N, C-alpha and C. Protein backbone atom coordinates (compact mmCIF):
# COMPACT_ATOMS: atom_id res chain seq x y z
N VAL A 1 -14.74 -8.78 -17.35
CA VAL A 1 -13.34 -9.16 -17.51
C VAL A 1 -13.28 -10.21 -18.60
N ASP A 2 -12.34 -10.09 -19.48
CA ASP A 2 -12.19 -11.01 -20.59
C ASP A 2 -11.68 -12.37 -20.12
N LEU A 3 -11.43 -13.26 -21.06
CA LEU A 3 -10.98 -14.62 -20.73
C LEU A 3 -9.70 -14.60 -19.90
N LEU A 4 -8.75 -13.75 -20.27
CA LEU A 4 -7.50 -13.66 -19.51
C LEU A 4 -7.78 -13.27 -18.06
N GLY A 5 -8.65 -12.30 -17.88
CA GLY A 5 -9.00 -11.86 -16.53
C GLY A 5 -9.64 -12.98 -15.72
N ARG A 6 -10.53 -13.75 -16.36
CA ARG A 6 -11.17 -14.86 -15.65
C ARG A 6 -10.15 -15.92 -15.26
N VAL A 7 -9.19 -16.17 -16.13
CA VAL A 7 -8.14 -17.14 -15.82
C VAL A 7 -7.31 -16.64 -14.64
N MET A 8 -6.97 -15.35 -14.65
CA MET A 8 -6.18 -14.78 -13.55
C MET A 8 -6.94 -14.86 -12.23
N VAL A 9 -8.22 -14.53 -12.27
CA VAL A 9 -9.03 -14.58 -11.05
C VAL A 9 -9.12 -15.99 -10.51
N SER A 10 -9.35 -16.98 -11.38
CA SER A 10 -9.44 -18.35 -10.90
C SER A 10 -8.09 -18.84 -10.39
N SER A 11 -7.02 -18.26 -10.87
CA SER A 11 -5.68 -18.64 -10.42
C SER A 11 -5.37 -18.13 -9.02
N LEU A 12 -6.18 -17.20 -8.51
CA LEU A 12 -5.99 -16.74 -7.13
C LEU A 12 -6.60 -17.71 -6.12
N ASP A 13 -7.31 -18.71 -6.60
CA ASP A 13 -7.93 -19.69 -5.73
C ASP A 13 -6.88 -20.39 -4.88
N ALA A 14 -7.22 -20.66 -3.65
CA ALA A 14 -6.28 -21.27 -2.71
C ALA A 14 -5.75 -22.62 -3.17
N ALA A 15 -6.47 -23.29 -4.07
CA ALA A 15 -6.02 -24.59 -4.55
C ALA A 15 -4.87 -24.46 -5.54
N ALA A 16 -4.66 -23.29 -6.10
CA ALA A 16 -3.57 -23.06 -7.05
C ALA A 16 -2.24 -23.01 -6.29
N THR A 17 -1.16 -23.24 -7.00
CA THR A 17 0.15 -23.18 -6.37
C THR A 17 0.47 -21.73 -5.98
N THR A 18 1.39 -21.59 -5.06
CA THR A 18 1.82 -20.25 -4.64
C THR A 18 2.33 -19.45 -5.83
N ASP A 19 3.14 -20.07 -6.68
CA ASP A 19 3.68 -19.36 -7.84
C ASP A 19 2.57 -18.89 -8.78
N LEU A 20 1.55 -19.71 -8.97
CA LEU A 20 0.45 -19.33 -9.84
C LEU A 20 -0.38 -18.20 -9.22
N ARG A 21 -0.62 -18.28 -7.90
CA ARG A 21 -1.36 -17.20 -7.23
C ARG A 21 -0.59 -15.89 -7.30
N LYS A 22 0.72 -15.95 -7.11
CA LYS A 22 1.58 -14.77 -7.21
C LYS A 22 1.51 -14.18 -8.62
N ALA A 23 1.64 -15.03 -9.63
CA ALA A 23 1.59 -14.57 -11.02
C ALA A 23 0.23 -13.97 -11.36
N ALA A 24 -0.83 -14.56 -10.82
CA ALA A 24 -2.17 -14.05 -11.07
C ALA A 24 -2.34 -12.65 -10.48
N ALA A 25 -1.86 -12.46 -9.27
CA ALA A 25 -1.95 -11.14 -8.64
C ALA A 25 -1.15 -10.13 -9.46
N ASP A 26 0.06 -10.48 -9.87
CA ASP A 26 0.87 -9.59 -10.68
C ASP A 26 0.15 -9.22 -11.99
N ALA A 27 -0.43 -10.22 -12.64
CA ALA A 27 -1.12 -9.98 -13.91
C ALA A 27 -2.33 -9.07 -13.72
N LEU A 28 -3.11 -9.32 -12.68
CA LEU A 28 -4.27 -8.46 -12.43
C LEU A 28 -3.84 -7.02 -12.17
N GLY A 29 -2.75 -6.85 -11.48
CA GLY A 29 -2.25 -5.51 -11.21
C GLY A 29 -1.88 -4.75 -12.46
N SER A 30 -1.50 -5.47 -13.50
CA SER A 30 -1.11 -4.81 -14.74
C SER A 30 -2.28 -4.61 -15.70
N MET A 31 -3.46 -5.08 -15.34
CA MET A 31 -4.62 -5.00 -16.24
C MET A 31 -5.38 -3.68 -16.16
N GLY A 32 -5.04 -2.84 -15.18
CA GLY A 32 -5.71 -1.54 -15.09
C GLY A 32 -7.20 -1.66 -14.85
N GLU A 33 -7.94 -0.79 -15.50
CA GLU A 33 -9.38 -0.71 -15.29
C GLU A 33 -10.09 -2.03 -15.53
N ALA A 34 -9.56 -2.86 -16.42
CA ALA A 34 -10.19 -4.15 -16.71
C ALA A 34 -10.25 -5.05 -15.48
N ALA A 35 -9.36 -4.83 -14.53
CA ALA A 35 -9.33 -5.66 -13.32
C ALA A 35 -10.14 -5.06 -12.18
N ALA A 36 -10.69 -3.88 -12.37
CA ALA A 36 -11.39 -3.19 -11.28
C ALA A 36 -12.53 -4.01 -10.69
N CYS A 37 -13.24 -4.74 -11.52
CA CYS A 37 -14.37 -5.52 -11.01
C CYS A 37 -13.92 -6.75 -10.22
N GLN A 38 -12.64 -7.04 -10.24
CA GLN A 38 -12.12 -8.19 -9.51
C GLN A 38 -11.17 -7.80 -8.37
N VAL A 39 -11.12 -6.51 -8.08
CA VAL A 39 -10.18 -6.05 -7.06
C VAL A 39 -10.49 -6.66 -5.69
N HIS A 40 -11.75 -7.02 -5.46
CA HIS A 40 -12.11 -7.67 -4.20
C HIS A 40 -11.38 -9.00 -4.03
N ARG A 41 -11.07 -9.67 -5.13
CA ARG A 41 -10.32 -10.93 -5.04
C ARG A 41 -8.86 -10.66 -4.67
N LEU A 42 -8.31 -9.59 -5.19
CA LEU A 42 -6.96 -9.20 -4.78
C LEU A 42 -6.94 -8.85 -3.30
N ALA A 43 -7.96 -8.13 -2.86
CA ALA A 43 -8.05 -7.74 -1.45
C ALA A 43 -8.14 -8.98 -0.56
N SER A 44 -8.92 -9.95 -0.99
CA SER A 44 -9.04 -11.18 -0.22
C SER A 44 -7.70 -11.91 -0.15
N ALA A 45 -6.99 -11.98 -1.26
CA ALA A 45 -5.68 -12.62 -1.26
C ALA A 45 -4.70 -11.86 -0.38
N MET A 46 -4.77 -10.53 -0.43
CA MET A 46 -3.88 -9.69 0.37
C MET A 46 -4.08 -9.93 1.86
N LEU A 47 -5.31 -10.15 2.26
CA LEU A 47 -5.62 -10.31 3.68
C LEU A 47 -5.57 -11.75 4.18
N HIS A 48 -5.84 -12.71 3.30
CA HIS A 48 -6.09 -14.07 3.79
C HIS A 48 -5.20 -15.16 3.22
N ASP A 49 -4.43 -14.88 2.19
CA ASP A 49 -3.62 -15.95 1.62
C ASP A 49 -2.60 -16.43 2.66
N THR A 50 -2.31 -17.71 2.64
CA THR A 50 -1.37 -18.27 3.60
C THR A 50 0.08 -17.92 3.28
N SER A 51 0.33 -17.51 2.05
CA SER A 51 1.69 -17.16 1.63
C SER A 51 1.90 -15.66 1.73
N GLU A 52 2.95 -15.27 2.48
CA GLU A 52 3.24 -13.84 2.57
C GLU A 52 3.64 -13.27 1.21
N THR A 53 4.22 -14.09 0.34
CA THR A 53 4.59 -13.63 -0.99
C THR A 53 3.35 -13.29 -1.81
N VAL A 54 2.32 -14.11 -1.72
CA VAL A 54 1.08 -13.83 -2.44
C VAL A 54 0.40 -12.61 -1.84
N ARG A 55 0.39 -12.50 -0.51
CA ARG A 55 -0.21 -11.30 0.12
C ARG A 55 0.50 -10.04 -0.33
N TYR A 56 1.83 -10.12 -0.37
CA TYR A 56 2.62 -8.98 -0.85
C TYR A 56 2.29 -8.64 -2.31
N CYS A 57 2.26 -9.64 -3.17
CA CYS A 57 1.99 -9.39 -4.59
C CYS A 57 0.58 -8.84 -4.80
N ALA A 58 -0.37 -9.30 -4.01
CA ALA A 58 -1.73 -8.78 -4.12
C ALA A 58 -1.79 -7.32 -3.68
N ALA A 59 -1.09 -7.00 -2.60
CA ALA A 59 -1.05 -5.60 -2.14
C ALA A 59 -0.35 -4.72 -3.17
N TRP A 60 0.74 -5.20 -3.72
CA TRP A 60 1.47 -4.44 -4.74
C TRP A 60 0.58 -4.22 -5.96
N ALA A 61 -0.15 -5.27 -6.36
CA ALA A 61 -1.06 -5.16 -7.51
C ALA A 61 -2.13 -4.11 -7.25
N MET A 62 -2.63 -4.05 -6.02
CA MET A 62 -3.62 -3.02 -5.70
C MET A 62 -3.00 -1.64 -5.84
N GLY A 63 -1.74 -1.50 -5.48
CA GLY A 63 -1.05 -0.23 -5.68
C GLY A 63 -0.91 0.10 -7.16
N ASP A 64 -0.64 -0.91 -7.96
CA ASP A 64 -0.55 -0.70 -9.41
C ASP A 64 -1.91 -0.26 -9.97
N LEU A 65 -2.99 -0.80 -9.42
CA LEU A 65 -4.33 -0.44 -9.90
C LEU A 65 -4.75 0.95 -9.43
N GLY A 66 -4.19 1.39 -8.30
CA GLY A 66 -4.44 2.75 -7.82
C GLY A 66 -5.91 3.11 -7.75
N GLU A 67 -6.33 4.07 -8.55
CA GLU A 67 -7.71 4.57 -8.52
C GLU A 67 -8.73 3.48 -8.83
N PHE A 68 -8.31 2.42 -9.50
CA PHE A 68 -9.24 1.33 -9.82
C PHE A 68 -9.40 0.35 -8.66
N ALA A 69 -8.65 0.55 -7.58
CA ALA A 69 -8.72 -0.33 -6.41
C ALA A 69 -9.32 0.37 -5.20
N THR A 70 -9.85 1.56 -5.38
CA THR A 70 -10.30 2.35 -4.23
C THR A 70 -11.44 1.69 -3.46
N SER A 71 -12.18 0.82 -4.09
CA SER A 71 -13.28 0.15 -3.37
C SER A 71 -12.75 -0.76 -2.26
N GLU A 72 -11.46 -1.06 -2.29
CA GLU A 72 -10.86 -1.93 -1.29
C GLU A 72 -9.81 -1.21 -0.44
N ALA A 73 -9.97 0.10 -0.30
CA ALA A 73 -9.03 0.86 0.53
C ALA A 73 -9.05 0.37 1.98
N THR A 74 -10.21 0.00 2.47
CA THR A 74 -10.32 -0.51 3.84
C THR A 74 -9.47 -1.78 4.02
N ALA A 75 -9.50 -2.64 3.02
CA ALA A 75 -8.69 -3.86 3.08
C ALA A 75 -7.20 -3.52 3.08
N ALA A 76 -6.81 -2.55 2.26
CA ALA A 76 -5.40 -2.15 2.24
C ALA A 76 -4.98 -1.58 3.59
N ALA A 77 -5.88 -0.82 4.21
CA ALA A 77 -5.58 -0.28 5.55
C ALA A 77 -5.42 -1.41 6.55
N SER A 78 -6.23 -2.44 6.44
CA SER A 78 -6.10 -3.60 7.34
C SER A 78 -4.76 -4.31 7.13
N ALA A 79 -4.30 -4.35 5.90
CA ALA A 79 -3.04 -5.03 5.60
C ALA A 79 -1.83 -4.29 6.17
N LEU A 80 -2.02 -3.05 6.61
CA LEU A 80 -0.93 -2.33 7.27
C LEU A 80 -0.51 -3.02 8.57
N SER A 81 -1.36 -3.91 9.08
CA SER A 81 -1.06 -4.64 10.32
C SER A 81 -0.58 -6.06 10.06
N ASP A 82 -0.31 -6.41 8.81
CA ASP A 82 0.14 -7.76 8.49
C ASP A 82 1.44 -8.07 9.24
N SER A 83 1.65 -9.34 9.55
CA SER A 83 2.86 -9.74 10.26
C SER A 83 4.11 -9.63 9.38
N ASP A 84 3.94 -9.57 8.07
CA ASP A 84 5.06 -9.50 7.14
C ASP A 84 5.33 -8.05 6.73
N ALA A 85 6.56 -7.60 6.89
CA ALA A 85 6.93 -6.22 6.58
C ALA A 85 6.71 -5.88 5.11
N ASP A 86 6.97 -6.82 4.21
CA ASP A 86 6.77 -6.54 2.79
C ASP A 86 5.31 -6.26 2.47
N VAL A 87 4.42 -6.97 3.13
CA VAL A 87 2.98 -6.73 2.92
C VAL A 87 2.61 -5.35 3.46
N ARG A 88 3.10 -5.00 4.64
CA ARG A 88 2.82 -3.66 5.19
C ARG A 88 3.34 -2.57 4.26
N ASP A 89 4.54 -2.79 3.73
CA ASP A 89 5.16 -1.86 2.79
C ASP A 89 4.26 -1.67 1.56
N ALA A 90 3.84 -2.77 0.95
CA ALA A 90 3.01 -2.70 -0.26
C ALA A 90 1.63 -2.13 0.04
N ALA A 91 1.10 -2.39 1.23
CA ALA A 91 -0.21 -1.84 1.60
C ALA A 91 -0.14 -0.32 1.73
N ALA A 92 0.93 0.19 2.32
CA ALA A 92 1.10 1.65 2.41
C ALA A 92 1.21 2.24 1.02
N ARG A 93 1.98 1.59 0.16
CA ARG A 93 2.10 2.04 -1.23
C ARG A 93 0.75 2.05 -1.92
N ALA A 94 -0.03 0.99 -1.71
CA ALA A 94 -1.35 0.90 -2.34
C ALA A 94 -2.24 2.05 -1.89
N LEU A 95 -2.29 2.31 -0.60
CA LEU A 95 -3.11 3.42 -0.11
C LEU A 95 -2.65 4.75 -0.68
N GLY A 96 -1.35 4.93 -0.80
CA GLY A 96 -0.82 6.16 -1.37
C GLY A 96 -1.22 6.36 -2.82
N SER A 97 -1.51 5.29 -3.52
CA SER A 97 -1.90 5.39 -4.93
C SER A 97 -3.40 5.55 -5.13
N MET A 98 -4.16 5.52 -4.04
CA MET A 98 -5.63 5.54 -4.13
C MET A 98 -6.25 6.93 -3.96
N GLY A 99 -5.44 7.97 -3.93
CA GLY A 99 -5.97 9.32 -3.85
C GLY A 99 -6.78 9.55 -2.58
N THR A 100 -7.92 10.23 -2.71
CA THR A 100 -8.71 10.59 -1.53
C THR A 100 -9.24 9.36 -0.79
N SER A 101 -9.45 8.26 -1.49
CA SER A 101 -9.90 7.04 -0.81
C SER A 101 -8.81 6.52 0.11
N GLY A 102 -7.57 6.61 -0.31
CA GLY A 102 -6.45 6.20 0.54
C GLY A 102 -6.20 7.19 1.66
N ALA A 103 -6.39 8.48 1.37
CA ALA A 103 -6.14 9.54 2.36
C ALA A 103 -7.05 9.41 3.57
N LYS A 104 -8.18 8.75 3.42
CA LYS A 104 -9.07 8.52 4.57
C LYS A 104 -8.38 7.68 5.65
N TYR A 105 -7.33 7.00 5.26
CA TYR A 105 -6.60 6.12 6.18
C TYR A 105 -5.24 6.70 6.54
N ALA A 106 -5.12 8.03 6.46
CA ALA A 106 -3.84 8.68 6.76
C ALA A 106 -3.35 8.33 8.16
N GLN A 107 -4.24 8.24 9.12
CA GLN A 107 -3.83 7.92 10.49
C GLN A 107 -3.23 6.52 10.56
N ALA A 108 -3.86 5.57 9.90
CA ALA A 108 -3.33 4.19 9.90
C ALA A 108 -1.98 4.15 9.19
N VAL A 109 -1.85 4.89 8.10
CA VAL A 109 -0.58 4.95 7.38
C VAL A 109 0.48 5.59 8.27
N ALA A 110 0.12 6.70 8.92
CA ALA A 110 1.07 7.39 9.79
C ALA A 110 1.56 6.50 10.94
N SER A 111 0.73 5.58 11.38
CA SER A 111 1.17 4.68 12.45
C SER A 111 2.35 3.81 12.00
N ARG A 112 2.51 3.62 10.71
CA ARG A 112 3.62 2.82 10.17
C ARG A 112 4.91 3.63 10.11
N LEU A 113 4.86 4.93 10.41
CA LEU A 113 6.09 5.73 10.46
C LEU A 113 7.00 5.26 11.60
N HIS A 114 6.45 4.45 12.50
CA HIS A 114 7.22 3.92 13.64
C HIS A 114 7.52 2.43 13.48
N ASP A 115 7.29 1.89 12.28
CA ASP A 115 7.52 0.47 12.02
C ASP A 115 8.99 0.13 12.24
N ASP A 116 9.26 -1.10 12.62
CA ASP A 116 10.63 -1.56 12.82
C ASP A 116 11.42 -1.65 11.51
N HIS A 117 10.72 -1.69 10.38
CA HIS A 117 11.36 -1.88 9.08
C HIS A 117 11.39 -0.57 8.30
N ALA A 118 12.58 -0.20 7.87
CA ALA A 118 12.78 1.07 7.17
C ALA A 118 11.95 1.17 5.91
N ASP A 119 11.82 0.08 5.15
CA ASP A 119 11.04 0.14 3.91
C ASP A 119 9.59 0.50 4.19
N VAL A 120 9.06 -0.01 5.28
CA VAL A 120 7.67 0.30 5.64
C VAL A 120 7.56 1.78 6.04
N ARG A 121 8.50 2.25 6.83
CA ARG A 121 8.48 3.68 7.22
C ARG A 121 8.56 4.57 5.99
N ALA A 122 9.44 4.22 5.05
CA ALA A 122 9.59 5.03 3.83
C ALA A 122 8.32 5.00 2.99
N SER A 123 7.71 3.85 2.85
CA SER A 123 6.46 3.77 2.08
C SER A 123 5.34 4.54 2.75
N ALA A 124 5.31 4.51 4.07
CA ALA A 124 4.30 5.29 4.79
C ALA A 124 4.52 6.78 4.55
N ALA A 125 5.77 7.22 4.59
CA ALA A 125 6.06 8.64 4.32
C ALA A 125 5.67 9.01 2.89
N ARG A 126 5.96 8.14 1.93
CA ARG A 126 5.59 8.43 0.54
C ARG A 126 4.07 8.48 0.37
N ALA A 127 3.36 7.60 1.07
CA ALA A 127 1.90 7.65 1.01
C ALA A 127 1.39 8.97 1.58
N LEU A 128 1.94 9.38 2.72
CA LEU A 128 1.54 10.67 3.30
C LEU A 128 1.88 11.82 2.36
N GLN A 129 2.96 11.70 1.64
CA GLN A 129 3.30 12.71 0.64
C GLN A 129 2.19 12.81 -0.40
N SER A 130 1.67 11.68 -0.83
CA SER A 130 0.61 11.71 -1.84
C SER A 130 -0.70 12.26 -1.27
N PHE A 131 -0.87 12.17 0.06
CA PHE A 131 -2.08 12.70 0.69
C PHE A 131 -1.96 14.20 0.93
N ALA A 132 -0.75 14.72 0.98
CA ALA A 132 -0.42 16.14 1.17
C ALA A 132 -1.29 16.82 2.22
N ALA A 133 -2.29 17.56 1.80
CA ALA A 133 -3.10 18.36 2.73
C ALA A 133 -3.75 17.50 3.81
N ASP A 134 -4.11 16.27 3.48
CA ASP A 134 -4.75 15.39 4.46
C ASP A 134 -3.74 14.83 5.46
N ALA A 135 -2.47 15.12 5.26
CA ALA A 135 -1.42 14.57 6.12
C ALA A 135 -0.71 15.64 6.94
N SER A 136 -1.21 16.85 6.92
CA SER A 136 -0.48 17.95 7.59
C SER A 136 -0.31 17.72 9.09
N SER A 137 -1.21 17.00 9.71
CA SER A 137 -1.08 16.77 11.15
C SER A 137 0.06 15.82 11.51
N TYR A 138 0.68 15.22 10.51
CA TYR A 138 1.78 14.30 10.75
C TYR A 138 3.14 14.93 10.43
N SER A 139 3.14 16.23 10.17
CA SER A 139 4.39 16.88 9.77
C SER A 139 5.45 16.86 10.88
N ALA A 140 5.05 16.95 12.14
CA ALA A 140 6.03 16.91 13.22
C ALA A 140 6.74 15.56 13.27
N VAL A 141 5.99 14.49 13.11
CA VAL A 141 6.59 13.14 13.10
C VAL A 141 7.50 13.00 11.90
N LEU A 142 7.05 13.48 10.75
CA LEU A 142 7.89 13.42 9.56
C LEU A 142 9.18 14.23 9.76
N GLY A 143 9.06 15.37 10.40
CA GLY A 143 10.24 16.19 10.69
C GLY A 143 11.24 15.46 11.56
N LYS A 144 10.74 14.73 12.54
CA LYS A 144 11.64 13.94 13.40
C LYS A 144 12.34 12.85 12.59
N LEU A 145 11.60 12.24 11.65
CA LEU A 145 12.23 11.22 10.81
C LEU A 145 13.33 11.82 9.95
N VAL A 146 13.08 13.00 9.39
CA VAL A 146 14.09 13.66 8.57
C VAL A 146 15.38 13.85 9.36
N CYS A 147 15.24 14.25 10.59
CA CYS A 147 16.42 14.56 11.43
C CYS A 147 17.05 13.35 12.09
N HIS A 148 16.27 12.32 12.40
CA HIS A 148 16.78 11.29 13.30
C HIS A 148 16.71 9.85 12.80
N ASP A 149 16.01 9.57 11.72
CA ASP A 149 15.89 8.17 11.30
C ASP A 149 17.25 7.66 10.82
N ALA A 150 17.55 6.42 11.14
CA ALA A 150 18.83 5.82 10.77
C ALA A 150 18.92 5.54 9.27
N SER A 151 17.79 5.47 8.60
CA SER A 151 17.76 5.12 7.18
C SER A 151 17.69 6.36 6.29
N GLY A 152 18.62 6.46 5.38
CA GLY A 152 18.61 7.56 4.42
C GLY A 152 17.37 7.55 3.55
N CYS A 153 16.90 6.35 3.21
CA CYS A 153 15.69 6.23 2.41
C CYS A 153 14.48 6.82 3.14
N VAL A 154 14.39 6.56 4.42
CA VAL A 154 13.29 7.10 5.23
C VAL A 154 13.42 8.61 5.35
N ARG A 155 14.63 9.08 5.61
CA ARG A 155 14.84 10.54 5.73
C ARG A 155 14.44 11.25 4.44
N THR A 156 14.83 10.67 3.30
CA THR A 156 14.50 11.26 2.00
C THR A 156 12.99 11.28 1.77
N ALA A 157 12.32 10.17 2.05
CA ALA A 157 10.87 10.08 1.85
C ALA A 157 10.14 11.04 2.79
N ALA A 158 10.60 11.15 4.01
CA ALA A 158 9.97 12.06 4.97
C ALA A 158 10.16 13.51 4.54
N ALA A 159 11.33 13.85 4.03
CA ALA A 159 11.58 15.22 3.55
C ALA A 159 10.68 15.55 2.36
N ALA A 160 10.53 14.59 1.46
CA ALA A 160 9.65 14.80 0.31
C ALA A 160 8.20 14.98 0.76
N ALA A 161 7.79 14.21 1.75
CA ALA A 161 6.42 14.35 2.28
C ALA A 161 6.23 15.73 2.89
N LEU A 162 7.21 16.18 3.65
CA LEU A 162 7.12 17.53 4.24
C LEU A 162 7.04 18.59 3.14
N GLY A 163 7.78 18.41 2.07
CA GLY A 163 7.71 19.34 0.96
C GLY A 163 6.33 19.40 0.34
N ALA A 164 5.67 18.25 0.22
CA ALA A 164 4.32 18.21 -0.35
C ALA A 164 3.30 18.82 0.61
N ILE A 165 3.50 18.58 1.89
CA ILE A 165 2.57 19.10 2.90
C ILE A 165 2.70 20.61 2.98
N GLY A 166 3.94 21.10 2.95
CA GLY A 166 4.17 22.52 2.88
C GLY A 166 4.24 23.27 4.19
N SER A 167 4.08 22.58 5.31
CA SER A 167 4.21 23.25 6.60
C SER A 167 4.59 22.22 7.64
N ILE A 168 5.06 22.72 8.77
CA ILE A 168 5.42 21.81 9.87
C ILE A 168 4.52 22.12 11.04
N ASP A 169 3.81 21.11 11.49
CA ASP A 169 2.95 21.22 12.68
C ASP A 169 3.88 21.20 13.89
N LYS A 170 3.78 22.16 14.75
CA LYS A 170 4.71 22.28 15.87
C LYS A 170 4.32 21.47 17.08
N ASP A 171 3.29 20.64 16.98
CA ASP A 171 2.87 19.79 18.12
C ASP A 171 3.89 18.77 18.45
């Protein structure tokens, strides 16, 4: 990682201000492959930072990195249980961007289809959409969301996921 990357990584240190840690996570997320060797620091911030805003930004940055963050898919799956809905939302998005590495956590993502927060449910449905074939066992739950969820955003995301999956499991 070049000088900018080293500055961003050191800015994730707990001694830095919340605003600086947030900005560092955002910057690393935009660095693409150059940030891949430091994705473990984003994962650590996502799971352990005291600020929910920094945890959210770190999870979002991992989603921006997508295939370059796959080494930390387990951490993103753990963040699905964060107490903050925005972090859970961004963690589902991150897993959805990680391809087959994220699809290994389809069950954990699917558990967020029942989250109290519509944004989290919608992000979980979009992640399952990106997993397609690996998410076919969740088509019945997605079908129920299409028909019954109070949020139009969730219904739309669930319908798109069903379209990608291509079949409805009748269980």
